Protein backbone atom coordinates (compact mmCIF):
# COMPACT_ATOMS: atom_id res chain seq x y z
CA UNK A 1 88.98 101.99 93.54
CA UNK A 2 91.09 103.36 96.35
CA UNK A 3 94.81 102.72 95.83
CA UNK A 4 95.45 102.04 99.51
CA UNK A 5 92.74 99.38 99.56
CA UNK A 6 94.06 97.87 96.34
CA UNK A 7 97.59 97.64 97.72
CA UNK A 8 96.32 96.42 101.10
CA UNK A 9 97.97 99.31 102.96
CA UNK A 10 96.89 100.09 106.50
CA UNK A 11 97.47 103.54 107.97
CA UNK A 12 97.78 104.01 111.70
CA UNK A 13 97.10 107.42 113.21
CA UNK A 14 99.22 108.05 116.28
CA UNK A 15 97.50 110.26 118.82
CA UNK A 16 99.37 112.83 120.82
CA UNK A 17 99.84 112.07 124.49
CA UNK A 18 98.38 115.00 126.43
CA UNK A 19 100.62 114.30 129.44
CA UNK A 20 103.80 115.04 127.52
CA UNK A 21 104.69 118.48 126.22
CA UNK A 22 106.27 117.08 123.05
CA UNK A 23 105.37 114.52 120.42
CA UNK A 24 107.78 111.58 120.60
CA UNK A 25 109.19 110.79 117.18
CA UNK A 26 109.24 107.30 115.81
CA UNK A 27 112.69 105.70 115.86
CA UNK A 28 113.17 105.03 112.12
CA UNK A 29 110.73 107.51 110.60
CA UNK A 30 113.57 109.48 108.99
CA UNK A 31 114.33 106.51 106.74
CA UNK A 32 110.83 106.58 105.29
CA UNK A 33 110.83 110.38 104.94
CA UNK A 34 114.21 110.28 103.18
CA UNK A 35 112.98 107.59 100.78
CA UNK A 36 109.87 109.63 99.94
CA UNK A 37 112.10 112.63 99.32
CA UNK A 38 114.21 110.62 96.91
CA UNK A 39 111.11 109.38 95.10
CA UNK A 40 109.96 112.98 94.60
CA UNK A 41 112.92 113.48 92.26
CA UNK A 42 111.07 111.35 89.72
CA UNK A 43 108.75 113.70 87.84
CA UNK A 44 106.06 111.14 87.10
CA UNK A 45 105.76 110.23 90.76
CA UNK A 46 105.23 113.78 92.00
CA UNK A 47 101.70 113.81 90.59
CA UNK A 48 99.47 110.86 89.80
CA UNK A 49 99.19 111.15 86.02
CA UNK A 50 98.56 107.47 85.33
CA UNK A 51 95.11 106.09 84.62
CA UNK A 52 95.98 102.53 85.61
CA UNK A 53 97.42 101.58 88.96
CA UNK A 54 99.68 98.97 87.36
CA UNK A 55 101.59 101.72 85.56
CA UNK A 56 102.03 103.66 88.81
CA UNK A 57 103.33 100.56 90.56
CA UNK A 58 105.74 99.86 87.70
CA UNK A 59 107.12 103.42 87.84
CA UNK A 60 107.60 103.13 91.60
CA UNK A 61 109.49 99.87 91.07
CA UNK A 62 111.70 101.47 88.43
CA UNK A 63 112.40 104.45 90.70
CA UNK A 64 113.24 102.24 93.69
CA UNK A 65 115.46 100.07 91.48
CA UNK A 66 117.25 103.17 90.24
CA UNK A 67 117.80 104.34 93.81
CA UNK A 68 119.12 100.91 94.77
CA UNK A 69 121.54 100.86 91.85
CA UNK A 70 122.70 104.41 92.60
CA UNK A 71 123.30 103.65 96.28
CA UNK A 72 125.12 100.42 95.45
CA UNK A 73 127.37 102.13 92.91
CA UNK A 74 128.26 105.02 95.25
CA UNK A 75 129.33 103.03 98.29
């Protein structure tokens, strides 16, 4: 089973506008990219080692909780 379909995630491909010479960035994309960068610090999330999707989801929740606690403690 595809994980994106299981989690009901929809991806949207943004096409480049040929009239403009540059690709306009999305306004808050850096927040998502930064969060993915922080998640890559967790070794088990770098590669998909888990056989069951429930374990992967639980590890993501633990990692996000750890990031939330760290950010709260360092403010």
